[in-house]
Amino acid sequence: MMDLILLGEEEYEQDIRPLVKAFYPDVEFNIIRDGAVAEETVKSSKEYFLFVLNSHEYKIELCIGDFMESAGERFEDKNDDLYHNNDELPDRRMYRNYLHREMYRLMEKHTGKGLPWGTLTGIRPTKLALDRLFNGEKPVEIADHFRKEYLCSSEKTALCIRVANMEKSLLDGIDKQETYSLYVGVPFCPSICLYCSFSSFPLKQYEKYVEPYIEALCKEIDFASSCFPKKKLISIYFGGGTPTTLSADQLSRVIRKIKASFDLSCLKEWTVEAGRPDSITYDKLKVLKDEGISRISINPQTMQQKTLDLIGRKHTVEDILNVYKMARDLGFDNINTDLIIGLTGEKLEDVESTLEAIEPLAPENITVHALALKRAARLNAEMDKYRDLRSTQSVLMAKACENFMAKHGYGPYYMYRQKNMTENLENVGYSLPGHEGLYNILMMEEYHTILALGTNGSSKFVFPETDRIERVENVKSVKDYVERIDEMIERKREFLCRNTILCR
């Protein structure tokens, strides 16, 4: 246990903690905010990280065993870019980044290692690069900014700018004011995976809620269809959970409800996350094909049976191959496949074997996720049980995936990061040319409004003139969603009534 002492302006806590955690992923922190307690702790403890932060000065002190280093300075004595036009207070964003760099250098000195993404801990590094591209900056200028401002490695800077360039080419022709996307969530799964932290519900235990859930969802669809009469719906993502836990008839009913409710004349993409091979049947795939679904996901995560069994996937490698053949026989020509690197018990050779098994399937999209161990995941709760099986080769695994993609003509087209990712890596979506997943980019870059329906749906309303984003959340519980659907609808209605500019 390390004492993490935070004194001064609390708004910086959300910036400090992720960066410290990236350097010390296995350390638990005891947070101290009381000045008197902090003073005693500094005197007596041999392991603490002290932050004294306010608008005019900072002090950072790192003490672990015999290692003690500090940094401190009064900002009003400075005369540099932290101040704009001789303002009394430093620019907050630049101040925060300056603190990050000082923190980073202390931790780098103590641990003897750097982080591939430098001080960047947010989930959307490409958004920073994309904004600069839209403002007319050249890639070389953006690269220089990333290295100096965020201490980002050359490799990750290059990846970020490459992805941002691809995103810009796809977004250039899309008017963020006149368009929107739709997310429809189905929260049921065949089983809950060991690493999963989503609000998913095992079908057997929640089967009695499926029909009431569909009824509530259709009611929300009715309302949603009236929200933006003047905007063009350009992408739909049917996610979860696992939508294909629904029966073929139930899938058909929901899809047809959407088709009957919305104007789909401008729709560019409709993705259904078939996801779990153990939830897919020929009849369900035929419904998706017959209803015109343009893109599906079939997500094995790994092609190692021992890993599938360990993480709680209730399907075999053979099931994955059979489902793929089924989808190809029905004519699906845009399939995404999710893989996870850093899974419990896996080594580099396991990932290389998975890539070999995926190669003949030739998915048009492959999304490579770095395992993110979140608090709600069963794997986190049962950490001691699996500690000896923790993967330690995630960086090598990511490189093997990158090499595979380059060899087979896949390019990176979207990327995001999460907290507590294995070895401080990232998730990257790769695609063959012309098969990029548009919704993924629109959602991750928060480019335009996304209306989210179903449990745990988080609608993101984008105000294009200011790039302000506001969220309206649905409840996470299936039971609550069914019982409070009118309240979910009213939340959105009230928000849109207060912000009529969004409906123009």
Protein backbone atom coordinates (compact mmCIF):
# COMPACT_ATOMS: atom_id res chain seq x y z
CA MET A 1 0.00 0.00 0.00
CA MET A 2 1.35 3.41 -0.98
CA ASP A 3 0.05 6.66 0.49
CA LEU A 4 -1.14 8.96 -2.28
CA ILE A 5 -1.40 12.44 -0.76
CA LEU A 6 -3.46 14.94 -2.71
CA LEU A 7 -3.58 18.49 -1.40
CA GLY A 8 -4.91 21.52 -3.19
CA GLU A 9 -7.31 21.55 -6.12
CA GLU A 10 -9.17 18.25 -6.32
CA GLU A 11 -9.91 18.59 -10.03
CA TYR A 12 -6.41 17.31 -10.76
CA GLU A 13 -7.00 13.99 -9.00
CA GLN A 14 -8.53 12.46 -12.14
CA ASP A 15 -5.37 13.40 -14.02
CA ILE A 16 -2.91 12.24 -11.39
CA ARG A 17 -4.24 8.81 -10.47
CA PRO A 18 -4.24 7.20 -13.95
CA LEU A 19 -0.67 8.29 -14.61
CA VAL A 20 0.58 6.97 -11.27
CA LYS A 21 -1.34 3.73 -11.81
CA ALA A 22 0.25 3.32 -15.25
CA PHE A 23 3.71 3.27 -13.64
CA TYR A 24 2.66 1.22 -10.61
CA PRO A 25 -0.20 -1.04 -11.83
CA ASP A 26 -0.02 -3.45 -8.88
CA VAL A 27 0.12 -0.82 -6.14
CA GLU A 28 -2.98 -0.03 -4.08
CA PHE A 29 -3.26 3.56 -2.92
CA ASN A 30 -4.38 5.03 0.37
CA ILE A 31 -5.73 8.46 -0.58
CA ILE A 32 -5.05 11.27 1.91
CA ARG A 33 -6.53 14.74 1.51
CA ASP A 34 -6.25 16.08 5.06
CA GLY A 35 -3.28 18.42 5.53
CA ALA A 36 -2.50 17.43 9.12
CA VAL A 37 -2.63 13.71 8.33
CA ALA A 38 -0.49 14.34 5.27
CA GLU A 39 2.21 16.03 7.34
CA GLU A 40 2.37 13.10 9.76
CA THR A 41 2.44 10.62 6.89
CA VAL A 42 5.34 12.36 5.19
CA LYS A 43 7.29 12.22 8.46
CA SER A 44 6.63 8.56 9.18
CA SER A 45 6.01 6.75 5.89
CA LYS A 46 8.62 5.31 3.60
CA GLU A 47 6.24 4.96 0.69
CA TYR A 48 4.23 7.96 -0.40
CA PHE A 49 3.55 10.23 -3.34
CA LEU A 50 2.80 13.81 -2.31
CA PHE A 51 1.07 16.33 -4.56
CA VAL A 52 0.51 19.91 -3.43
CA LEU A 53 -1.27 21.63 -6.28
CA ASN A 54 -2.89 25.01 -6.71
CA SER A 55 -3.03 27.70 -9.32
CA HIS A 56 0.27 29.33 -8.34
CA GLU A 57 2.54 26.52 -7.24
CA TYR A 58 3.06 22.82 -7.12
CA LYS A 59 5.16 20.40 -5.20
CA ILE A 60 5.60 16.76 -6.14
CA GLU A 61 7.51 14.44 -3.87
CA LEU A 62 8.03 10.73 -4.46
CA CYS A 63 9.41 8.61 -1.63
CA ILE A 64 9.73 4.84 -1.99
CA GLY A 65 12.26 3.18 0.29
CA ASP A 66 15.62 4.87 -0.23
CA PHE A 67 14.41 6.73 -3.29
CA MET A 68 13.31 10.30 -2.75
CA GLU A 69 12.97 12.95 -5.40
CA SER A 70 10.94 16.12 -5.58
CA ALA A 71 9.98 18.89 -7.93
CA GLY A 72 8.53 22.23 -6.99
CA GLU A 73 8.16 25.70 -8.34
CA ARG A 74 6.11 28.86 -7.88
CA PHE A 75 4.31 29.61 -11.08
CA GLU A 76 4.04 33.35 -10.56
CA ASP A 77 7.83 33.49 -10.84
CA LYS A 78 7.69 31.88 -14.28
CA ASN A 79 7.68 33.77 -17.53
CA ASP A 80 6.91 31.20 -20.22
CA ASP A 81 4.11 29.69 -22.25
CA LEU A 82 2.17 28.62 -19.17
CA TYR A 83 0.96 32.21 -19.01
CA HIS A 84 -0.96 33.77 -21.88
CA ASN A 85 -0.93 37.55 -22.33
CA ASN A 86 0.40 38.08 -18.79
CA ASP A 87 -2.73 36.53 -17.24
CA GLU A 88 -2.65 36.24 -13.48
CA LEU A 89 -3.19 32.47 -13.59
CA PRO A 90 -1.52 29.91 -15.85
CA ASP A 91 -3.45 28.30 -18.70
CA ARG A 92 -5.14 25.30 -17.02
CA ARG A 93 -4.59 22.80 -19.82
CA MET A 94 -0.91 23.72 -20.18
CA TYR A 95 -0.50 23.75 -16.40
CA ARG A 96 -1.97 20.25 -16.16
CA ASN A 97 0.30 18.96 -18.95
CA TYR A 98 3.31 20.58 -17.29
CA LEU A 99 2.50 18.82 -14.03
CA HIS A 100 2.12 15.54 -15.89
CA ARG A 101 5.56 15.87 -17.42
CA GLU A 102 7.17 16.60 -14.06
CA MET A 103 5.36 13.64 -12.47
CA TYR A 104 6.34 11.43 -15.37
CA ARG A 105 10.03 12.28 -15.05
CA LEU A 106 10.06 11.45 -11.34
CA MET A 107 8.38 8.08 -11.86
CA GLU A 108 10.50 7.28 -14.90
CA LYS A 109 13.62 7.94 -12.84
CA HIS A 110 12.40 5.69 -10.01
CA THR A 111 11.18 2.78 -12.12
CA GLY A 112 13.76 2.99 -14.89
CA LYS A 113 11.05 2.66 -17.52
CA GLY A 114 8.94 4.91 -19.67
CA LEU A 115 5.41 4.56 -21.00
CA PRO A 116 4.71 4.17 -24.72
CA TRP A 117 1.98 6.82 -24.59
CA GLY A 118 3.96 9.14 -22.32
CA THR A 119 1.68 11.24 -20.11
CA LEU A 120 -1.46 10.50 -22.15
CA THR A 121 -3.96 8.62 -20.01
CA GLY A 122 -7.24 9.55 -21.75
CA ILE A 123 -9.11 7.06 -23.90
CA ARG A 124 -9.05 9.10 -27.13
CA PRO A 125 -5.49 10.12 -28.12
CA THR A 126 -6.58 10.16 -31.78
CA LYS A 127 -9.10 12.89 -30.98
CA LEU A 128 -6.22 15.20 -30.11
CA ALA A 129 -4.54 14.49 -33.43
CA LEU A 130 -7.78 14.61 -35.43
CA ASP A 131 -8.74 18.03 -34.06
CA ARG A 132 -5.35 19.37 -35.15
CA LEU A 133 -5.70 17.85 -38.61
CA PHE A 134 -9.11 19.50 -39.00
CA ASN A 135 -7.49 22.78 -37.94
CA GLY A 136 -5.01 22.51 -40.80
CA GLU A 137 -1.88 21.37 -38.95
CA LYS A 138 0.56 19.13 -40.79
CA PRO A 139 1.35 15.62 -39.48
CA VAL A 140 4.96 16.60 -38.78
CA GLU A 141 3.77 19.49 -36.56
CA ILE A 142 1.36 17.21 -34.71
CA ALA A 143 4.09 14.62 -34.18
CA ASP A 144 6.38 17.26 -32.70
CA HIS A 145 3.57 18.43 -30.38
CA PHE A 146 2.88 14.87 -29.17
CA ARG A 147 6.52 14.23 -28.35
CA LYS A 148 7.13 17.54 -26.57
CA GLU A 149 3.78 18.06 -24.83
CA TYR A 150 3.01 14.46 -23.87
CA LEU A 151 6.41 12.71 -24.06
CA CYS A 152 4.74 10.22 -26.39
CA SER A 153 6.96 7.63 -28.09
CA SER A 154 7.67 7.96 -31.81
CA GLU A 155 5.97 4.62 -32.49
CA LYS A 156 2.68 5.53 -30.76
CA THR A 157 2.75 9.06 -32.20
CA ALA A 158 3.02 7.60 -35.70
CA LEU A 159 0.16 5.15 -35.04
CA CYS A 160 -2.04 7.91 -33.66
CA ILE A 161 -1.48 10.22 -36.63
CA ARG A 162 -1.95 7.40 -39.13
CA VAL A 163 -5.31 6.50 -37.58
CA ALA A 164 -6.36 10.16 -37.37
CA ASN A 165 -5.55 10.64 -41.07
CA MET A 166 -7.72 7.64 -41.99
CA GLU A 167 -10.55 8.90 -39.78
CA LYS A 168 -10.38 12.36 -41.34
CA SER A 169 -10.66 10.91 -44.84
CA LEU A 170 -13.88 9.13 -43.82
CA LEU A 171 -15.36 12.03 -41.85
CA ASP A 172 -14.61 14.85 -44.29
CA GLY A 173 -17.87 14.38 -46.16
CA ILE A 174 -20.10 13.98 -43.09
CA ASP A 175 -21.86 17.04 -41.70
CA LYS A 176 -21.91 16.68 -37.92
CA GLN A 177 -24.89 19.04 -37.59
CA GLU A 178 -27.10 17.25 -40.12
CA THR A 179 -26.36 13.61 -39.19
CA TYR A 180 -26.64 11.27 -36.24
CA SER A 181 -26.20 7.59 -35.34
CA LEU A 182 -28.24 5.09 -33.37
CA TYR A 183 -27.06 2.57 -30.78
CA VAL A 184 -29.47 -0.20 -29.76
CA GLY A 185 -28.42 -2.38 -26.82
CA VAL A 186 -29.40 -5.93 -25.90
CA PRO A 187 -27.85 -6.76 -22.51
CA PHE A 188 -28.16 -10.56 -22.48
CA CYS A 189 -25.26 -12.99 -22.95
CA PRO A 190 -24.95 -16.80 -22.97
CA SER A 191 -22.54 -16.49 -20.02
CA ILE A 192 -20.41 -13.78 -18.42
CA CYS A 193 -16.73 -13.89 -19.35
CA LEU A 194 -14.06 -13.78 -16.68
CA TYR A 195 -12.74 -10.39 -17.81
CA CYS A 196 -16.10 -8.75 -18.58
CA SER A 197 -17.16 -5.57 -16.75
CA PHE A 198 -20.11 -4.60 -18.95
CA SER A 199 -23.68 -4.54 -17.70
CA SER A 200 -24.44 -7.96 -19.17
CA PHE A 201 -26.90 -10.52 -17.86
CA PRO A 202 -26.72 -14.33 -18.33
CA LEU A 203 -29.67 -15.40 -20.45
CA LYS A 204 -30.71 -18.42 -18.38
CA GLN A 205 -31.10 -16.34 -15.23
CA TYR A 206 -32.86 -13.44 -16.95
CA GLU A 207 -34.92 -15.25 -19.55
CA LYS A 208 -38.20 -14.04 -18.07
CA TYR A 209 -37.12 -10.44 -18.80
CA VAL A 210 -36.41 -10.93 -22.51
CA GLU A 211 -39.93 -10.34 -23.84
CA PRO A 212 -40.68 -7.43 -21.47
CA TYR A 213 -37.29 -5.97 -22.43
CA ILE A 214 -38.12 -6.13 -26.14
CA GLU A 215 -41.46 -4.44 -25.48
CA ALA A 216 -39.75 -1.64 -23.53
CA LEU A 217 -37.05 -1.30 -26.19
CA CYS A 218 -39.65 -1.01 -28.96
CA LYS A 219 -41.37 1.72 -26.94
CA GLU A 220 -38.08 3.62 -26.73
CA ILE A 221 -37.54 3.09 -30.47
CA ASP A 222 -40.95 4.70 -31.11
CA PHE A 223 -39.89 7.76 -29.16
CA ALA A 224 -36.40 7.91 -30.67
CA SER A 225 -37.77 7.94 -34.21
CA SER A 226 -39.31 11.36 -33.54
CA CYS A 227 -36.24 13.01 -32.00
CA PHE A 228 -34.45 14.26 -35.11
CA PRO A 229 -36.90 14.73 -37.98
CA LYS A 230 -34.46 16.96 -39.88
CA LYS A 231 -31.28 14.94 -39.37
CA LYS A 232 -30.03 12.02 -41.46
CA LEU A 233 -29.49 8.68 -39.74
CA ILE A 234 -26.23 7.34 -41.21
CA SER A 235 -25.18 4.44 -38.97
CA ILE A 236 -26.76 1.93 -36.61
CA TYR A 237 -24.95 -0.28 -34.12
CA PHE A 238 -26.87 -3.16 -32.55
CA GLY A 239 -24.70 -4.14 -29.59
CA GLY A 240 -24.82 -5.46 -26.06
CA GLY A 241 -24.36 -7.84 -24.41
CA THR A 242 -24.92 -10.15 -27.31
CA PRO A 243 -27.91 -9.31 -29.53
CA THR A 244 -27.92 -12.83 -31.00
CA THR A 245 -28.95 -14.27 -27.64
CA LEU A 246 -32.41 -13.23 -28.86
CA SER A 247 -34.27 -15.80 -30.93
CA ALA A 248 -34.47 -15.40 -34.69
CA ASP A 249 -38.05 -14.17 -34.33
CA GLN A 250 -37.14 -11.66 -31.62
CA LEU A 251 -34.21 -10.36 -33.67
CA SER A 252 -36.48 -9.93 -36.65
CA ARG A 253 -39.08 -8.05 -34.62
CA VAL A 254 -36.58 -5.52 -33.25
CA ILE A 255 -34.88 -4.97 -36.62
CA ARG A 256 -38.21 -4.55 -38.41
CA LYS A 257 -39.35 -2.14 -35.72
CA ILE A 258 -36.29 0.00 -36.40
CA LYS A 259 -36.83 -0.20 -40.17
CA ALA A 260 -40.48 0.79 -39.81
CA SER A 261 -39.69 3.67 -37.43
CA PHE A 262 -36.71 5.43 -39.01
CA ASP A 263 -35.89 6.87 -42.42
CA LEU A 264 -32.98 4.69 -43.53
CA SER A 265 -32.51 6.24 -46.96
CA CYS A 266 -29.16 7.81 -45.93
CA LEU A 267 -27.92 4.83 -43.90
CA LYS A 268 -24.29 3.99 -44.68
CA GLU A 269 -23.78 1.09 -42.25
CA TRP A 270 -25.76 -1.23 -39.97
CA THR A 271 -23.70 -3.42 -37.66
CA VAL A 272 -25.05 -6.26 -35.53
CA GLU A 273 -22.69 -7.64 -32.93
CA ALA A 274 -23.35 -11.35 -33.34
CA GLY A 275 -20.36 -11.69 -31.04
CA ARG A 276 -20.54 -14.99 -29.25
CA PRO A 277 -20.38 -18.01 -31.59
CA ASP A 278 -22.46 -20.01 -29.07
CA SER A 279 -25.34 -17.57 -29.61
CA ILE A 280 -25.39 -17.82 -33.41
CA THR A 281 -27.57 -20.12 -35.51
CA TYR A 282 -28.22 -20.36 -39.22
CA ASP A 283 -31.75 -18.99 -38.71
CA LYS A 284 -30.47 -15.92 -36.87
CA LEU A 285 -27.83 -15.18 -39.49
CA LYS A 286 -30.45 -15.60 -42.23
CA VAL A 287 -32.68 -13.05 -40.49
CA LEU A 288 -29.77 -10.58 -40.39
CA LYS A 289 -28.96 -11.15 -44.05
CA ASP A 290 -32.58 -10.99 -45.18
CA GLU A 291 -33.13 -7.75 -43.25
CA GLY A 292 -30.18 -6.10 -44.97
CA ILE A 293 -27.65 -5.93 -42.13
CA SER A 294 -24.43 -4.82 -43.81
CA ARG A 295 -21.85 -5.68 -41.16
CA ILE A 296 -21.62 -8.29 -38.37
CA SER A 297 -19.12 -9.18 -35.68
CA ILE A 298 -18.10 -12.74 -34.82
CA ASN A 299 -15.79 -12.49 -31.83
CA PRO A 300 -13.78 -15.52 -30.69
CA GLN A 301 -11.29 -13.36 -28.64
CA THR A 302 -8.83 -16.26 -28.99
CA MET A 303 -8.56 -19.52 -30.93
CA GLN A 304 -7.03 -21.37 -27.98
CA GLN A 305 -9.50 -23.82 -26.47
CA LYS A 306 -7.79 -23.89 -23.09
CA THR A 307 -8.18 -20.11 -22.85
CA LEU A 308 -11.82 -20.17 -23.99
CA ASP A 309 -12.58 -22.67 -21.23
CA LEU A 310 -10.69 -20.65 -18.62
CA ILE A 311 -12.35 -17.31 -19.38
CA GLY A 312 -15.86 -18.74 -19.43
CA ARG A 313 -16.65 -18.79 -23.15
CA LYS A 314 -19.14 -21.60 -23.76
CA HIS A 315 -18.06 -22.41 -27.31
CA THR A 316 -15.30 -24.31 -29.05
CA VAL A 317 -12.80 -23.32 -31.71
CA GLU A 318 -14.73 -25.59 -34.07
CA ASP A 319 -17.90 -23.59 -33.35
CA ILE A 320 -16.13 -20.43 -34.50
CA LEU A 321 -15.09 -22.04 -37.79
CA ASN A 322 -18.60 -23.39 -38.39
CA VAL A 323 -20.27 -20.03 -37.71
CA TYR A 324 -17.85 -18.27 -40.05
CA LYS A 325 -18.62 -20.74 -42.83
CA MET A 326 -22.34 -20.25 -42.21
CA ALA A 327 -22.00 -16.47 -42.49
CA ARG A 328 -19.92 -16.67 -45.68
CA ASP A 329 -22.35 -19.16 -47.24
CA LEU A 330 -25.17 -16.68 -46.60
CA GLY A 331 -23.23 -13.97 -48.38
CA PHE A 332 -21.88 -11.79 -45.54
CA ASP A 333 -18.90 -9.90 -46.94
CA ASN A 334 -18.12 -7.49 -44.10
CA ILE A 335 -17.28 -9.36 -40.90
CA ASN A 336 -15.40 -8.02 -37.88
CA THR A 337 -13.52 -10.31 -35.52
CA ASP A 338 -12.40 -9.23 -32.04
CA LEU A 339 -9.22 -10.61 -30.51
CA ILE A 340 -7.86 -9.91 -27.03
CA ILE A 341 -4.17 -9.87 -26.18
CA GLY A 342 -3.03 -10.36 -22.59
CA LEU A 343 -5.69 -12.95 -21.76
CA THR A 344 -5.11 -14.99 -18.62
CA GLY A 345 -2.63 -17.80 -19.20
CA GLU A 346 -1.71 -16.89 -22.78
CA LYS A 347 1.81 -16.54 -24.14
CA LEU A 348 3.12 -15.03 -27.36
CA GLU A 349 2.91 -18.37 -29.17
CA ASP A 350 -0.80 -18.61 -28.30
CA VAL A 351 -1.50 -15.28 -30.00
CA GLU A 352 0.61 -16.28 -33.01
CA SER A 353 -1.38 -19.53 -33.22
CA THR A 354 -4.66 -17.58 -33.04
CA LEU A 355 -3.56 -15.33 -35.90
CA GLU A 356 -2.68 -18.40 -37.99
CA ALA A 357 -6.15 -19.82 -37.32
CA ILE A 358 -7.85 -16.52 -38.22
CA GLU A 359 -5.92 -16.08 -41.49
CA PRO A 360 -8.01 -18.46 -43.67
CA LEU A 361 -11.24 -16.89 -42.36
CA ALA A 362 -10.12 -13.57 -43.87
CA PRO A 363 -12.32 -11.21 -41.83
CA GLU A 364 -12.67 -7.75 -43.35
CA ASN A 365 -12.14 -6.16 -39.91
CA ILE A 366 -9.98 -7.36 -37.03
CA THR A 367 -10.11 -5.43 -33.76
CA VAL A 368 -7.21 -6.13 -31.42
CA HIS A 369 -8.04 -5.35 -27.79
CA ALA A 370 -5.45 -5.12 -25.04
CA LEU A 371 -6.96 -6.67 -21.91
CA ALA A 372 -8.29 -3.98 -19.58
CA LEU A 373 -8.87 -5.29 -16.09
CA LYS A 374 -11.70 -3.26 -14.60
CA ARG A 375 -12.94 -3.26 -11.04
CA ALA A 376 -16.27 -4.93 -11.88
CA ALA A 377 -14.69 -7.86 -13.73
CA ARG A 378 -14.71 -11.27 -12.04
CA LEU A 379 -11.04 -11.63 -12.96
CA ASN A 380 -10.25 -8.60 -10.82
CA ALA A 381 -12.34 -9.85 -7.88
CA GLU A 382 -10.58 -13.23 -8.06
CA MET A 383 -7.13 -11.80 -8.76
CA ASP A 384 -5.23 -14.09 -6.35
CA LYS A 385 -6.68 -17.18 -8.01
CA TYR A 386 -5.29 -16.19 -11.42
CA ARG A 387 -2.19 -14.21 -10.43
CA ASP A 388 0.25 -16.88 -11.67
CA LEU A 389 -1.52 -16.98 -15.06
CA ARG A 390 -1.15 -13.27 -15.78
CA SER A 391 0.22 -12.53 -19.24
CA THR A 392 3.57 -10.74 -19.35
CA GLN A 393 4.13 -10.56 -23.11
CA SER A 394 1.42 -8.16 -24.22
CA VAL A 395 3.79 -5.77 -25.99
CA LEU A 396 5.22 -8.63 -28.04
CA MET A 397 1.69 -9.87 -28.73
CA ALA A 398 0.63 -6.43 -29.98
CA LYS A 399 3.67 -6.31 -32.26
CA ALA A 400 2.86 -9.78 -33.64
CA CYS A 401 -0.68 -8.57 -34.43
CA GLU A 402 0.64 -5.40 -36.07
CA ASN A 403 3.02 -7.41 -38.26
CA PHE A 404 0.23 -9.82 -39.22
CA MET A 405 -2.07 -6.95 -40.23
CA ALA A 406 0.59 -5.28 -42.35
CA LYS A 407 1.45 -8.56 -44.08
CA HIS A 408 -2.19 -9.23 -44.99
CA GLY A 409 -3.17 -5.73 -46.11
CA TYR A 410 -5.02 -4.48 -43.03
CA GLY A 411 -4.59 -0.86 -41.97
CA PRO A 412 -5.42 0.73 -38.60
CA TYR A 413 -8.54 2.91 -38.85
CA TYR A 414 -9.65 3.57 -35.27
CA MET A 415 -8.12 3.33 -31.84
CA TYR A 416 -8.94 3.91 -28.21
CA ARG A 417 -7.52 3.28 -24.78
CA GLN A 418 -8.95 2.30 -21.40
CA LYS A 419 -7.82 2.47 -17.81
CA ASN A 420 -5.80 -0.44 -16.44
CA MET A 421 -4.84 -1.79 -19.86
CA THR A 422 -2.20 -4.45 -19.96
CA GLU A 423 1.26 -2.89 -20.34
CA ASN A 424 -0.27 0.54 -21.04
CA LEU A 425 -1.31 -0.47 -24.57
CA GLU A 426 -4.34 0.38 -26.73
CA ASN A 427 -7.18 -1.16 -28.74
CA VAL A 428 -6.79 -0.90 -32.50
CA GLY A 429 -9.34 -1.59 -35.20
CA TYR A 430 -7.76 -2.84 -38.43
CA SER A 431 -9.57 -3.24 -41.74
CA LEU A 432 -9.07 -4.09 -45.36
CA PRO A 433 -9.42 -0.99 -47.57
CA GLY A 434 -13.04 0.11 -47.91
CA HIS A 435 -14.29 -1.92 -44.94
CA GLU A 436 -13.67 0.54 -42.10
CA GLY A 437 -16.37 0.51 -39.41
CA LEU A 438 -17.89 3.99 -39.62
CA TYR A 439 -19.85 3.83 -36.37
CA ASN A 440 -16.67 2.99 -34.44
CA ILE A 441 -15.06 6.22 -35.64
CA LEU A 442 -18.14 8.38 -35.09
CA MET A 443 -18.57 7.04 -31.58
CA MET A 444 -14.95 7.08 -30.49
CA GLU A 445 -14.19 10.56 -31.83
CA GLU A 446 -17.53 11.90 -30.52
CA TYR A 447 -18.02 13.44 -33.95
CA HIS A 448 -21.81 13.73 -33.97
CA THR A 449 -24.83 12.88 -31.82
CA ILE A 450 -25.38 9.22 -30.98
CA LEU A 451 -28.80 8.32 -29.64
CA ALA A 452 -28.47 5.26 -27.38
CA LEU A 453 -31.39 2.96 -26.58
CA GLY A 454 -31.64 0.08 -24.12
CA THR A 455 -30.05 -0.67 -20.76
CA ASN A 456 -26.83 1.19 -19.99
CA GLY A 457 -27.33 3.29 -23.12
CA SER A 458 -25.40 6.56 -22.95
CA SER A 459 -26.72 9.05 -25.49
CA LYS A 460 -24.07 11.59 -26.48
CA PHE A 461 -25.45 14.86 -27.76
CA VAL A 462 -22.87 16.87 -29.69
CA PHE A 463 -23.31 20.64 -30.06
CA PRO A 464 -21.33 21.23 -33.30
CA GLU A 465 -20.83 24.98 -32.95
CA THR A 466 -18.97 24.60 -29.66
CA ASP A 467 -18.04 20.88 -29.73
CA ARG A 468 -19.73 20.61 -26.34
CA ILE A 469 -20.92 17.09 -25.47
CA GLU A 470 -23.68 16.23 -23.02
CA ARG A 471 -24.80 12.76 -22.00
CA VAL A 472 -28.18 11.36 -21.05
CA GLU A 473 -27.92 7.96 -19.41
CA ASN A 474 -30.29 5.00 -19.25
CA VAL A 475 -30.34 2.71 -16.22
CA LYS A 476 -28.05 -0.32 -16.17
CA SER A 477 -30.44 -2.88 -14.71
CA VAL A 478 -32.74 -4.89 -17.00
CA LYS A 479 -35.44 -4.91 -14.34
CA ASP A 480 -35.19 -1.15 -13.83
CA TYR A 481 -35.22 -0.50 -17.57
CA VAL A 482 -38.39 -2.52 -18.06
CA GLU A 483 -40.13 -0.89 -15.10
CA ARG A 484 -38.87 2.65 -15.75
CA ILE A 485 -38.92 2.88 -19.53
CA ASP A 486 -41.22 5.91 -19.43
CA GLU A 487 -38.66 7.66 -17.23
CA MET A 488 -35.86 6.83 -19.72
CA ILE A 489 -37.92 8.34 -22.52
CA GLU A 490 -38.79 11.41 -20.46
CA ARG A 491 -35.11 12.05 -19.68
CA LYS A 492 -34.35 12.37 -23.38
CA ARG A 493 -37.52 14.33 -24.11
CA GLU A 494 -36.77 16.91 -21.41
CA PHE A 495 -33.17 17.25 -22.57
CA LEU A 496 -34.18 17.83 -26.19
CA CYS A 497 -36.87 20.33 -25.14
CA ARG A 498 -34.19 22.32 -23.32
CA ASN A 499 -31.82 22.08 -26.27
CA THR A 500 -33.98 22.58 -29.34
CA ILE A 501 -30.92 23.62 -31.36
CA LEU A 502 -30.07 19.90 -31.63
CA CYS A 503 -33.31 19.16 -33.48
CA ARG A 504 -32.83 21.70 -36.26
